[in-house]
């Protein structure tokens, strides 16, 4: 899943470790989310969104991700 976590984190001047500490996860979790290798739980996405004063929808690019998923589904038919 595409997110804008890395962009928001770097714009805020936070390291991965600092963000991980704020949302009570490991730096490895933040790194995996930023690389698109791991999808955050709804609760974790909410915690991260709160750090950056945004919504889960915006943080997780939900509209874009839904559209990409629908295209992939159509291509599989």
PDB file of N, CA and C in Angstrom:
ATOM      1  N   UNK A   1       0.843  -1.174   0.000  1.00  0.00           N
ATOM      2  CA  UNK A   1       0.000   0.000   0.000  1.00  0.00           C
ATOM      3  C   UNK A   1       0.889   1.238   0.000  1.00  0.00           C
ATOM      4  N   UNK A   2       0.536   2.157  -0.831  1.00  0.00           N
ATOM      5  CA  UNK A   2       1.257   3.424  -0.887  1.00  0.00           C
ATOM      6  C   UNK A   2       0.816   4.299   0.277  1.00  0.00           C
ATOM      7  N   UNK A   3       1.796   4.953   0.917  1.00  0.00           N
ATOM      8  CA  UNK A   3       1.509   5.934   1.964  1.00  0.00           C
ATOM      9  C   UNK A   3       2.376   7.170   1.723  1.00  0.00           C
ATOM     10  N   UNK A   4       2.072   8.232   2.444  1.00  0.00           N
ATOM     11  CA  UNK A   4       2.912   9.435   2.384  1.00  0.00           C
ATOM     12  C   UNK A   4       3.657   9.643   3.698  1.00  0.00           C
ATOM     13  N   UNK A   5       3.838   8.558   4.438  1.00  0.00           N
ATOM     14  CA  UNK A   5       4.483   8.652   5.746  1.00  0.00           C
ATOM     15  C   UNK A   5       5.903   9.201   5.629  1.00  0.00           C
ATOM     16  N   UNK A   6       6.678   8.678   4.702  1.00  0.00           N
ATOM     17  CA  UNK A   6       8.062   9.145   4.571  1.00  0.00           C
ATOM     18  C   UNK A   6       8.107  10.630   4.251  1.00  0.00           C
ATOM     19  N   UNK A   7       7.259  11.068   3.343  1.00  0.00           N
ATOM     20  CA  UNK A   7       7.238  12.480   2.964  1.00  0.00           C
ATOM     21  C   UNK A   7       6.883  13.364   4.156  1.00  0.00           C
ATOM     22  N   UNK A   8       5.853  12.958   4.907  1.00  0.00           N
ATOM     23  CA  UNK A   8       5.442  13.739   6.073  1.00  0.00           C
ATOM     24  C   UNK A   8       6.516  13.714   7.158  1.00  0.00           C
ATOM     25  N   UNK A   9       7.124  12.561   7.355  1.00  0.00           N
ATOM     26  CA  UNK A   9       8.157  12.416   8.380  1.00  0.00           C
ATOM     27  C   UNK A   9       9.367  13.301   8.076  1.00  0.00           C
ATOM     28  N   UNK A  10       9.836  13.247   6.830  1.00  0.00           N
ATOM     29  CA  UNK A  10      11.021  14.051   6.480  1.00  0.00           C
ATOM     30  C   UNK A  10      10.700  15.545   6.514  1.00  0.00           C
ATOM     31  N   UNK A  11       9.496  15.907   6.086  1.00  0.00           N
ATOM     32  CA  UNK A  11       9.095  17.322   6.130  1.00  0.00           C
ATOM     33  C   UNK A  11       9.030  17.834   7.568  1.00  0.00           C
ATOM     34  N   UNK A  12       8.688  16.938   8.490  1.00  0.00           N
ATOM     35  CA  UNK A  12       8.610  17.310   9.905  1.00  0.00           C
ATOM     36  C   UNK A  12       9.977  17.239  10.596  1.00  0.00           C
ATOM     37  N   UNK A  13      10.983  16.765   9.871  1.00  0.00           N
ATOM     38  CA  UNK A  13      12.322  16.671  10.438  1.00  0.00           C
ATOM     39  C   UNK A  13      12.471  15.551  11.450  1.00  0.00           C
ATOM     40  N   UNK A  14      11.663  14.509  11.313  1.00  0.00           N
ATOM     41  CA  UNK A  14      11.731  13.367  12.228  1.00  0.00           C
ATOM     42  C   UNK A  14      12.509  12.221  11.604  1.00  0.00           C
ATOM     43  N   UNK A  15      13.251  11.513  12.427  1.00  0.00           N
ATOM     44  CA  UNK A  15      13.886  10.286  11.970  1.00  0.00           C
ATOM     45  C   UNK A  15      12.866   9.150  12.085  1.00  0.00           C
ATOM     46  N   UNK A  16      13.180   8.042  11.455  1.00  0.00           N
ATOM     47  CA  UNK A  16      12.312   6.877  11.593  1.00  0.00           C
ATOM     48  C   UNK A  16      12.219   6.457  13.053  1.00  0.00           C
ATOM     49  N   UNK A  17      13.329   6.533  13.759  1.00  0.00           N
ATOM     50  CA  UNK A  17      13.340   6.148  15.179  1.00  0.00           C
ATOM     51  C   UNK A  17      12.447   7.066  16.008  1.00  0.00           C
ATOM     52  N   UNK A  18      12.501   8.354  15.747  1.00  0.00           N
ATOM     53  CA  UNK A  18      11.653   9.288  16.491  1.00  0.00           C
ATOM     54  C   UNK A  18      10.169   9.019  16.247  1.00  0.00           C
ATOM     55  N   UNK A  19       9.810   8.763  14.989  1.00  0.00           N
ATOM     56  CA  UNK A  19       8.419   8.450  14.693  1.00  0.00           C
ATOM     57  C   UNK A  19       8.017   7.136  15.349  1.00  0.00           C
ATOM     58  N   UNK A  20       8.887   6.151  15.259  1.00  0.00           N
ATOM     59  CA  UNK A  20       8.608   4.854  15.885  1.00  0.00           C
ATOM     60  C   UNK A  20       8.359   5.024  17.383  1.00  0.00           C
ATOM     61  N   UNK A  21       9.175   5.819  18.032  1.00  0.00           N
ATOM     62  CA  UNK A  21       9.002   6.063  19.465  1.00  0.00           C
ATOM     63  C   UNK A  21       7.661   6.722  19.762  1.00  0.00           C
ATOM     64  N   UNK A  22       7.270   7.663  18.937  1.00  0.00           N
ATOM     65  CA  UNK A  22       6.008   8.380  19.166  1.00  0.00           C
ATOM     66  C   UNK A  22       4.783   7.482  19.030  1.00  0.00           C
ATOM     67  N   UNK A  23       4.866   6.503  18.139  1.00  0.00           N
ATOM     68  CA  UNK A  23       3.700   5.637  17.910  1.00  0.00           C
ATOM     69  C   UNK A  23       3.896   4.243  18.507  1.00  0.00           C
ATOM     70  N   UNK A  24       4.966   4.078  19.256  1.00  0.00           N
ATOM     71  CA  UNK A  24       5.228   2.865  20.036  1.00  0.00           C
ATOM     72  C   UNK A  24       5.356   1.596  19.188  1.00  0.00           C
ATOM     73  N   UNK A  25       6.170   1.701  18.137  1.00  0.00           N
ATOM     74  CA  UNK A  25       6.513   0.533  17.320  1.00  0.00           C
ATOM     75  C   UNK A  25       8.025   0.547  17.117  1.00  0.00           C
ATOM     76  N   UNK A  26       8.536  -0.470  16.434  1.00  0.00           N
ATOM     77  CA  UNK A  26       9.972  -0.512  16.165  1.00  0.00           C
ATOM     78  C   UNK A  26      10.300   0.320  14.928  1.00  0.00           C
ATOM     79  N   UNK A  27      11.552   0.706  14.826  1.00  0.00           N
ATOM     80  CA  UNK A  27      12.001   1.437  13.648  1.00  0.00           C
ATOM     81  C   UNK A  27      11.855   0.550  12.411  1.00  0.00           C
ATOM     82  N   UNK A  28      12.011  -0.742  12.595  1.00  0.00           N
ATOM     83  CA  UNK A  28      11.846  -1.682  11.481  1.00  0.00           C
ATOM     84  C   UNK A  28      10.426  -1.621  10.916  1.00  0.00           C
ATOM     85  N   UNK A  29       9.441  -1.455  11.785  1.00  0.00           N
ATOM     86  CA  UNK A  29       8.050  -1.344  11.333  1.00  0.00           C
ATOM     87  C   UNK A  29       7.871  -0.099  10.476  1.00  0.00           C
ATOM     88  N   UNK A  30       8.384   1.023  10.944  1.00  0.00           N
ATOM     89  CA  UNK A  30       8.273   2.276  10.171  1.00  0.00           C
ATOM     90  C   UNK A  30       8.971   2.124   8.832  1.00  0.00           C
ATOM     91  N   UNK A  31      10.166   1.544   8.842  1.00  0.00           N
ATOM     92  CA  UNK A  31      10.920   1.343   7.614  1.00  0.00           C
ATOM     93  C   UNK A  31      10.145   0.466   6.639  1.00  0.00           C
ATOM     94  N   UNK A  32       9.569  -0.600   7.122  1.00  0.00           N
ATOM     95  CA  UNK A  32       8.805  -1.518   6.257  1.00  0.00           C
ATOM     96  C   UNK A  32       7.565  -0.852   5.682  1.00  0.00           C
ATOM     97  N   UNK A  33       6.897  -0.029   6.474  1.00  0.00           N
ATOM     98  CA  UNK A  33       5.713   0.691   5.981  1.00  0.00           C
ATOM     99  C   UNK A  33       6.133   1.675   4.892  1.00  0.00           C
ATOM    100  N   UNK A  34       7.190   2.420   5.141  1.00  0.00           N
ATOM    101  CA  UNK A  34       7.644   3.416   4.173  1.00  0.00           C
ATOM    102  C   UNK A  34       8.065   2.775   2.855  1.00  0.00           C
ATOM    103  N   UNK A  35       8.599   1.572   2.894  1.00  0.00           N
ATOM    104  CA  UNK A  35       9.007   0.878   1.669  1.00  0.00           C
ATOM    105  C   UNK A  35       7.843   0.139   1.016  1.00  0.00           C
ATOM    106  N   UNK A  36       6.676   0.158   1.631  1.00  0.00           N
ATOM    107  CA  UNK A  36       5.508  -0.505   1.062  1.00  0.00           C
ATOM    108  C   UNK A  36       5.519  -2.010   1.254  1.00  0.00           C
ATOM    109  N   UNK A  37       6.334  -2.484   2.169  1.00  0.00           N
ATOM    110  CA  UNK A  37       6.437  -3.922   2.419  1.00  0.00           C
ATOM    111  C   UNK A  37       5.500  -4.397   3.519  1.00  0.00           C
ATOM    112  N   UNK A  38       4.908  -3.469   4.237  1.00  0.00           N
ATOM    113  CA  UNK A  38       4.043  -3.805   5.362  1.00  0.00           C
ATOM    114  C   UNK A  38       2.917  -2.785   5.420  1.00  0.00           C
ATOM    115  N   UNK A  39       1.697  -3.254   5.582  1.00  0.00           N
ATOM    116  CA  UNK A  39       0.553  -2.360   5.722  1.00  0.00           C
ATOM    117  C   UNK A  39       0.257  -2.144   7.195  1.00  0.00           C
ATOM    118  N   UNK A  40       0.190  -0.888   7.615  1.00  0.00           N
ATOM    119  CA  UNK A  40      -0.075  -0.635   9.031  1.00  0.00           C
ATOM    120  C   UNK A  40      -1.497  -1.039   9.400  1.00  0.00           C
ATOM    121  N   UNK A  41      -1.664  -1.449  10.646  1.00  0.00           N
ATOM    122  CA  UNK A  41      -3.018  -1.704  11.138  1.00  0.00           C
ATOM    123  C   UNK A  41      -3.775  -0.382  11.151  1.00  0.00           C
ATOM    124  N   UNK A  42      -5.069  -0.461  11.269  1.00  0.00           N
ATOM    125  CA  UNK A  42      -5.883   0.754  11.326  1.00  0.00           C
ATOM    126  C   UNK A  42      -5.491   1.605  12.536  1.00  0.00           C
ATOM    127  N   UNK A  43      -5.247   0.956  13.653  1.00  0.00           N
ATOM    128  CA  UNK A  43      -4.861   1.690  14.864  1.00  0.00           C
ATOM    129  C   UNK A  43      -3.514   2.381  14.671  1.00  0.00           C
ATOM    130  N   UNK A  44      -2.553   1.682  14.092  1.00  0.00           N
ATOM    131  CA  UNK A  44      -1.243   2.293  13.858  1.00  0.00           C
ATOM    132  C   UNK A  44      -1.348   3.432  12.852  1.00  0.00           C
ATOM    133  N   UNK A  45      -2.104   3.250  11.797  1.00  0.00           N
ATOM    134  CA  UNK A  45      -2.288   4.323  10.816  1.00  0.00           C
ATOM    135  C   UNK A  45      -2.907   5.547  11.490  1.00  0.00           C
ATOM    136  N   UNK A  46      -3.863   5.313  12.376  1.00  0.00           N
ATOM    137  CA  UNK A  46      -4.494   6.422  13.101  1.00  0.00           C
ATOM    138  C   UNK A  46      -3.483   7.149  13.982  1.00  0.00           C
ATOM    139  N   UNK A  47      -2.638   6.391  14.693  1.00  0.00           N
ATOM    140  CA  UNK A  47      -1.621   7.009  15.544  1.00  0.00           C
ATOM    141  C   UNK A  47      -0.654   7.854  14.723  1.00  0.00           C
ATOM    142  N   UNK A  48      -0.224   7.323  13.585  1.00  0.00           N
ATOM    143  CA  UNK A  48       0.705   8.064  12.727  1.00  0.00           C
ATOM    144  C   UNK A  48       0.019   9.310  12.161  1.00  0.00           C
ATOM    145  N   UNK A  49      -1.218   9.166  11.737  1.00  0.00           N
ATOM    146  CA  UNK A  49      -1.968  10.314  11.209  1.00  0.00           C
ATOM    147  C   UNK A  49      -2.070  11.419  12.257  1.00  0.00           C
ATOM    148  N   UNK A  50      -2.286  11.046  13.498  1.00  0.00           N
ATOM    149  CA  UNK A  50      -2.381  12.043  14.576  1.00  0.00           C
ATOM    150  C   UNK A  50      -1.072  12.791  14.756  1.00  0.00           C
ATOM    151  N   UNK A  51       0.052  12.106  14.620  1.00  0.00           N
ATOM    152  CA  UNK A  51       1.364  12.767  14.750  1.00  0.00           C
ATOM    153  C   UNK A  51       1.480  13.890  13.724  1.00  0.00           C
ATOM    154  N   UNK A  52       0.973  13.636  12.516  1.00  0.00           N
ATOM    155  CA  UNK A  52       1.121  14.605  11.430  1.00  0.00           C
ATOM    156  C   UNK A  52      -0.121  15.458  11.195  1.00  0.00           C
ATOM    157  N   UNK A  53      -1.083  15.377  12.098  1.00  0.00           N
ATOM    158  CA  UNK A  53      -2.309  16.185  12.013  1.00  0.00           C
ATOM    159  C   UNK A  53      -2.999  16.030  10.666  1.00  0.00           C
ATOM    160  N   UNK A  54      -3.169  14.782  10.267  1.00  0.00           N
ATOM    161  CA  UNK A  54      -3.844  14.476   9.009  1.00  0.00           C
ATOM    162  C   UNK A  54      -4.814  13.333   9.247  1.00  0.00           C
ATOM    163  N   UNK A  55      -5.448  12.882   8.189  1.00  0.00           N
ATOM    164  CA  UNK A  55      -6.394  11.781   8.299  1.00  0.00           C
ATOM    165  C   UNK A  55      -5.749  10.479   7.839  1.00  0.00           C
ATOM    166  N   UNK A  56      -6.341   9.374   8.236  1.00  0.00           N
ATOM    167  CA  UNK A  56      -5.874   8.070   7.777  1.00  0.00           C
ATOM    168  C   UNK A  56      -6.025   7.987   6.264  1.00  0.00           C
ATOM    169  N   UNK A  57      -7.132   8.509   5.745  1.00  0.00           N
ATOM    170  CA  UNK A  57      -7.366   8.483   4.296  1.00  0.00           C
ATOM    171  C   UNK A  57      -6.246   9.178   3.541  1.00  0.00           C
ATOM    172  N   UNK A  58      -5.844  10.330   4.022  1.00  0.00           N
ATOM    173  CA  UNK A  58      -4.772  11.093   3.367  1.00  0.00           C
ATOM    174  C   UNK A  58      -3.422  10.394   3.560  1.00  0.00           C
ATOM    175  N   UNK A  59      -3.150   9.965   4.777  1.00  0.00           N
ATOM    176  CA  UNK A  59      -1.889   9.313   5.100  1.00  0.00           C
ATOM    177  C   UNK A  59      -1.644   8.079   4.247  1.00  0.00           C
ATOM    178  N   UNK A  60      -2.692   7.294   4.064  1.00  0.00           N
ATOM    179  CA  UNK A  60      -2.572   6.020   3.353  1.00  0.00           C
ATOM    180  C   UNK A  60      -2.982   6.110   1.881  1.00  0.00           C
ATOM    181  N   UNK A  61      -3.160   7.317   1.369  1.00  0.00           N
ATOM    182  CA  UNK A  61      -3.510   7.511  -0.040  1.00  0.00           C
ATOM    183  C   UNK A  61      -4.654   6.567  -0.430  1.00  0.00           C
ATOM    184  N   UNK A  62      -5.690   6.512   0.398  1.00  0.00           N
ATOM    185  CA  UNK A  62      -6.731   5.510   0.209  1.00  0.00           C
ATOM    186  C   UNK A  62      -7.415   5.590  -1.144  1.00  0.00           C
ATOM    187  N   UNK A  63      -7.743   6.783  -1.603  1.00  0.00           N
ATOM    188  CA  UNK A  63      -8.408   6.890  -2.902  1.00  0.00           C
ATOM    189  C   UNK A  63      -7.528   6.324  -4.006  1.00  0.00           C
ATOM    190  N   UNK A  64      -6.261   6.700  -4.004  1.00  0.00           N
ATOM    191  CA  UNK A  64      -5.323   6.205  -5.025  1.00  0.00           C
ATOM    192  C   UNK A  64      -5.142   4.693  -4.928  1.00  0.00           C
ATOM    193  N   UNK A  65      -5.023   4.178  -3.703  1.00  0.00           N
ATOM    194  CA  UNK A  65      -4.848   2.745  -3.517  1.00  0.00           C
ATOM    195  C   UNK A  65      -6.084   1.959  -3.957  1.00  0.00           C
ATOM    196  N   UNK A  66      -7.261   2.484  -3.683  1.00  0.00           N
ATOM    197  CA  UNK A  66      -8.500   1.817  -4.116  1.00  0.00           C
ATOM    198  C   UNK A  66      -8.568   1.791  -5.640  1.00  0.00           C
ATOM    199  N   UNK A  67      -8.244   2.911  -6.265  1.00  0.00           N
ATOM    200  CA  UNK A  67      -8.271   2.971  -7.728  1.00  0.00           C
ATOM    201  C   UNK A  67      -7.279   1.984  -8.335  1.00  0.00           C
ATOM    202  N   UNK A  68      -6.081   1.877  -7.761  1.00  0.00           N
ATOM    203  CA  UNK A  68      -5.077   0.932  -8.262  1.00  0.00           C
ATOM    204  C   UNK A  68      -5.567  -0.504  -8.098  1.00  0.00           C
ATOM    205  N   UNK A  69      -6.196  -0.784  -6.976  1.00  0.00           N
ATOM    206  CA  UNK A  69      -6.714  -2.128  -6.724  1.00  0.00           C
ATOM    207  C   UNK A  69      -7.825  -2.480  -7.717  1.00  0.00           C
ATOM    208  N   UNK A  70      -8.695  -1.513  -8.007  1.00  0.00           N
ATOM    209  CA  UNK A  70      -9.781  -1.753  -8.974  1.00  0.00           C
ATOM    210  C   UNK A  70      -9.208  -2.013 -10.370  1.00  0.00           C
ATOM    211  N   UNK A  71      -8.184  -1.292 -10.756  1.00  0.00           N
ATOM    212  CA  UNK A  71      -7.545  -1.498 -12.061  1.00  0.00           C
ATOM    213  C   UNK A  71      -6.929  -2.890 -12.120  1.00  0.00           C
ATOM    214  N   UNK A  72      -6.245  -3.283 -11.061  1.00  0.00           N
ATOM    215  CA  UNK A  72      -5.644  -4.615 -11.020  1.00  0.00           C
ATOM    216  C   UNK A  72      -6.719  -5.694 -11.114  1.00  0.00           C
ATOM    217  N   UNK A  73      -7.826  -5.481 -10.448  1.00  0.00           N
ATOM    218  CA  UNK A  73      -8.924  -6.438 -10.468  1.00  0.00           C
ATOM    219  C   UNK A  73      -9.495  -6.551 -11.886  1.00  0.00           C
ATOM    220  N   UNK A  74      -9.663  -5.435 -12.548  1.00  0.00           N
ATOM    221  CA  UNK A  74     -10.179  -5.433 -13.920  1.00  0.00           C
ATOM    222  C   UNK A  74      -9.219  -6.134 -14.873  1.00  0.00           C
ATOM    223  N   UNK A  75      -7.930  -5.946 -14.678  1.00  0.00           N
ATOM    224  CA  UNK A  75      -6.922  -6.560 -15.529  1.00  0.00           C
ATOM    225  C   UNK A  75      -6.849  -8.072 -15.340  1.00  0.00           C
ATOM    226  N   UNK A  76      -7.294  -8.560 -14.215  1.00  0.00           N
ATOM    227  CA  UNK A  76      -7.262  -9.981 -13.927  1.00  0.00           C
ATOM    228  C   UNK A  76      -8.447 -10.729 -14.526  1.00  0.00           C
ATOM    229  N   UNK A  77      -9.434 -10.012 -15.021  1.00  0.00           N
ATOM    230  CA  UNK A  77     -10.622 -10.646 -15.595  1.00  0.00           C
ATOM    231  C   UNK A  77     -10.333 -11.229 -16.950  1.00  0.00           C
TER     232      UNK A  77
END
